[in-house]
N, C-alpha and C. Protein backbone atom coordinates (compact mmCIF):
# COMPACT_ATOMS: atom_id res chain seq x y z
N UNK A 1 95.77 112.83 88.14
CA UNK A 1 96.35 113.23 89.41
C UNK A 1 96.69 111.95 90.20
N UNK A 2 97.87 111.86 90.75
CA UNK A 2 98.24 110.69 91.56
C UNK A 2 97.33 110.55 92.78
N UNK A 3 97.04 109.30 93.18
CA UNK A 3 96.11 109.07 94.28
C UNK A 3 96.48 109.78 95.58
N UNK A 4 97.74 109.74 96.03
CA UNK A 4 98.05 110.45 97.28
C UNK A 4 97.75 111.95 97.21
N UNK A 5 98.03 112.56 96.08
CA UNK A 5 97.76 113.98 95.92
C UNK A 5 96.25 114.24 95.89
N UNK A 6 95.50 113.37 95.20
CA UNK A 6 94.05 113.51 95.14
C UNK A 6 93.44 113.37 96.53
N UNK A 7 93.91 112.42 97.31
CA UNK A 7 93.40 112.24 98.67
C UNK A 7 93.67 113.48 99.54
N UNK A 8 94.85 114.04 99.42
CA UNK A 8 95.16 115.26 100.18
C UNK A 8 94.26 116.41 99.75
N UNK A 9 93.97 116.51 98.47
CA UNK A 9 93.10 117.56 97.95
C UNK A 9 91.67 117.39 98.47
N UNK A 10 91.20 116.15 98.55
CA UNK A 10 89.87 115.89 99.10
C UNK A 10 89.82 116.34 100.56
N UNK A 11 90.84 115.99 101.33
CA UNK A 11 90.90 116.42 102.73
C UNK A 11 90.90 117.94 102.85
N UNK A 12 91.68 118.60 102.00
CA UNK A 12 91.77 120.06 102.04
C UNK A 12 90.41 120.69 101.74
N UNK A 13 89.73 120.18 100.72
CA UNK A 13 88.46 120.78 100.31
C UNK A 13 87.32 120.50 101.30
N UNK A 14 87.43 119.46 102.08
CA UNK A 14 86.36 119.13 103.02
C UNK A 14 86.67 119.56 104.45
N UNK A 15 87.82 120.16 104.67
CA UNK A 15 88.25 120.55 106.02
C UNK A 15 87.22 121.44 106.72
N UNK A 16 86.71 122.46 106.06
CA UNK A 16 85.75 123.36 106.68
C UNK A 16 84.46 122.62 107.03
N UNK A 17 83.98 121.77 106.13
CA UNK A 17 82.78 120.98 106.40
C UNK A 17 82.99 120.10 107.63
N UNK A 18 84.12 119.42 107.70
CA UNK A 18 84.37 118.51 108.81
C UNK A 18 84.55 119.23 110.15
N UNK A 19 84.93 120.48 110.12
CA UNK A 19 85.09 121.22 111.37
C UNK A 19 83.76 121.39 112.10
N UNK A 20 82.65 121.23 111.37
CA UNK A 20 81.32 121.35 111.98
C UNK A 20 80.70 120.00 112.31
N UNK A 21 81.41 118.93 112.12
CA UNK A 21 80.91 117.58 112.38
C UNK A 21 81.40 117.08 113.73
N UNK A 22 80.68 116.08 114.28
CA UNK A 22 81.16 115.41 115.47
C UNK A 22 82.45 114.66 115.13
N UNK A 23 83.27 114.40 116.12
CA UNK A 23 84.55 113.72 115.89
C UNK A 23 84.39 112.41 115.15
N UNK A 24 83.38 111.62 115.49
CA UNK A 24 83.21 110.32 114.85
C UNK A 24 82.68 110.42 113.42
N UNK A 25 82.28 111.61 112.99
CA UNK A 25 81.78 111.82 111.63
C UNK A 25 82.85 112.35 110.67
N UNK A 26 83.99 112.68 111.18
CA UNK A 26 85.02 113.34 110.38
C UNK A 26 85.94 112.36 109.67
N UNK A 27 86.37 112.75 108.49
CA UNK A 27 87.44 112.04 107.79
C UNK A 27 88.72 112.72 108.26
N UNK A 28 89.51 112.00 109.02
CA UNK A 28 90.66 112.60 109.67
C UNK A 28 91.99 112.25 109.02
N UNK A 29 91.97 111.33 108.07
CA UNK A 29 93.21 110.88 107.46
C UNK A 29 92.97 110.52 106.00
N UNK A 30 93.97 110.75 105.18
CA UNK A 30 93.87 110.36 103.77
C UNK A 30 93.75 108.84 103.62
N UNK A 31 94.17 108.10 104.64
CA UNK A 31 94.06 106.64 104.61
C UNK A 31 92.60 106.18 104.66
N UNK A 32 91.70 107.06 105.06
CA UNK A 32 90.28 106.73 105.14
C UNK A 32 89.55 106.98 103.82
N UNK A 33 90.25 107.45 102.81
CA UNK A 33 89.64 107.77 101.52
C UNK A 33 90.00 106.68 100.52
N UNK A 34 88.98 106.14 99.85
CA UNK A 34 89.19 105.15 98.80
C UNK A 34 88.96 105.80 97.45
N UNK A 35 89.87 105.58 96.54
CA UNK A 35 89.72 106.06 95.17
C UNK A 35 89.40 104.83 94.32
N UNK A 36 88.25 104.84 93.66
CA UNK A 36 87.85 103.69 92.84
C UNK A 36 87.71 104.12 91.39
N UNK A 37 87.73 103.15 90.51
CA UNK A 37 87.62 103.43 89.08
C UNK A 37 86.25 104.02 88.75
N UNK A 38 86.21 104.92 87.81
CA UNK A 38 84.96 105.52 87.37
C UNK A 38 84.03 104.41 86.85
N UNK A 39 82.79 104.44 87.30
CA UNK A 39 81.80 103.47 86.86
C UNK A 39 81.81 102.16 87.64
N UNK A 40 82.64 102.06 88.68
CA UNK A 40 82.75 100.79 89.40
C UNK A 40 81.76 100.66 90.57
N UNK A 41 81.09 101.73 90.94
CA UNK A 41 80.14 101.66 92.05
C UNK A 41 78.78 101.16 91.56
N UNK A 42 78.17 100.21 92.29
CA UNK A 42 76.85 99.72 91.90
C UNK A 42 75.81 100.84 92.01
N UNK A 43 74.97 100.95 91.00
CA UNK A 43 73.98 102.03 90.98
C UNK A 43 72.58 101.48 90.73
N UNK A 44 71.58 102.30 91.12
CA UNK A 44 70.20 101.91 90.86
C UNK A 44 69.92 102.07 89.37
N UNK A 45 68.98 101.27 88.88
CA UNK A 45 68.66 101.28 87.45
C UNK A 45 67.92 102.54 87.03
N UNK A 46 67.10 103.10 87.91
CA UNK A 46 66.26 104.22 87.50
C UNK A 46 66.94 105.57 87.61
N UNK A 47 67.41 105.92 88.82
CA UNK A 47 67.98 107.25 89.03
C UNK A 47 69.50 107.27 88.97
N UNK A 48 70.13 106.12 89.05
CA UNK A 48 71.58 106.07 89.01
C UNK A 48 72.26 106.39 90.32
N UNK A 49 71.50 106.34 91.42
CA UNK A 49 72.10 106.58 92.74
C UNK A 49 73.02 105.42 93.12
N UNK A 50 74.03 105.70 93.91
CA UNK A 50 74.92 104.65 94.39
C UNK A 50 74.15 103.78 95.38
N UNK A 51 74.22 102.46 95.20
CA UNK A 51 73.57 101.51 96.11
C UNK A 51 74.53 101.25 97.27
N UNK A 52 74.23 101.85 98.42
CA UNK A 52 75.14 101.83 99.56
C UNK A 52 75.47 100.42 100.04
N UNK A 53 74.47 99.60 100.27
CA UNK A 53 74.71 98.24 100.80
C UNK A 53 75.54 97.42 99.82
N UNK A 54 75.23 97.49 98.54
CA UNK A 54 75.98 96.75 97.53
C UNK A 54 77.42 97.25 97.45
N UNK A 55 77.61 98.56 97.61
CA UNK A 55 78.96 99.14 97.61
C UNK A 55 79.74 98.67 98.82
N UNK A 56 79.11 98.68 100.00
CA UNK A 56 79.78 98.20 101.21
C UNK A 56 80.19 96.74 101.07
N UNK A 57 79.33 95.92 100.45
CA UNK A 57 79.66 94.51 100.25
C UNK A 57 80.82 94.36 99.25
N UNK A 58 80.79 95.15 98.18
CA UNK A 58 81.82 95.06 97.15
C UNK A 58 83.20 95.47 97.67
N UNK A 59 83.22 96.43 98.59
CA UNK A 59 84.48 96.96 99.11
C UNK A 59 84.70 96.57 100.57
N UNK A 60 84.06 95.50 101.01
CA UNK A 60 84.12 95.07 102.41
C UNK A 60 85.55 94.89 102.91
N UNK A 61 86.40 94.23 102.15
CA UNK A 61 87.77 93.97 102.58
C UNK A 61 88.53 95.27 102.81
N UNK A 62 88.42 96.21 101.90
CA UNK A 62 89.10 97.50 102.06
C UNK A 62 88.53 98.30 103.22
N UNK A 63 87.21 98.30 103.37
CA UNK A 63 86.59 99.04 104.47
C UNK A 63 86.98 98.45 105.82
N UNK A 64 87.02 97.11 105.91
CA UNK A 64 87.45 96.47 107.15
C UNK A 64 88.90 96.83 107.48
N UNK A 65 89.72 96.92 106.46
CA UNK A 65 91.12 97.28 106.67
C UNK A 65 91.24 98.72 107.20
N UNK A 66 90.46 99.63 106.63
CA UNK A 66 90.49 101.03 107.05
C UNK A 66 89.99 101.19 108.48
N UNK A 67 88.85 100.59 108.77
CA UNK A 67 88.21 100.80 110.07
C UNK A 67 88.61 99.75 111.10
N UNK A 68 89.32 98.69 110.68
CA UNK A 68 89.78 97.69 111.61
C UNK A 68 88.69 96.93 112.31
N UNK A 69 87.59 96.69 111.57
CA UNK A 69 86.45 95.99 112.16
C UNK A 69 86.00 94.86 111.25
N UNK A 70 85.25 93.95 111.81
CA UNK A 70 84.60 92.91 111.03
C UNK A 70 83.20 93.38 110.71
N UNK A 71 82.81 93.31 109.46
CA UNK A 71 81.48 93.73 109.04
C UNK A 71 80.52 92.59 109.28
N UNK A 72 79.38 92.87 109.93
CA UNK A 72 78.42 91.83 110.26
C UNK A 72 77.21 91.83 109.35
N UNK A 73 77.04 92.88 108.58
CA UNK A 73 75.90 92.95 107.68
C UNK A 73 74.63 93.43 108.36
N UNK A 74 74.70 93.84 109.62
CA UNK A 74 73.53 94.35 110.32
C UNK A 74 73.77 95.79 110.71
N UNK A 75 72.71 96.53 110.81
CA UNK A 75 72.84 97.95 111.20
C UNK A 75 72.50 98.14 112.64
């Protein structure tokens, strides 16, 4: 499936879920969705969960472009 079509489908399928979220929690545009290659997200060795901090670091440039912010590495 082409990326633009996949992004629109993700938005369509999550629309009902997002209607119950606060405005700042919603994905409001297909431009906010990143499609990455299968197996490219850093995972934990034991359970295989996605390592959030490592993922944010790996995709920092793209995330900064989407959100228009500089990442400081602090929460």
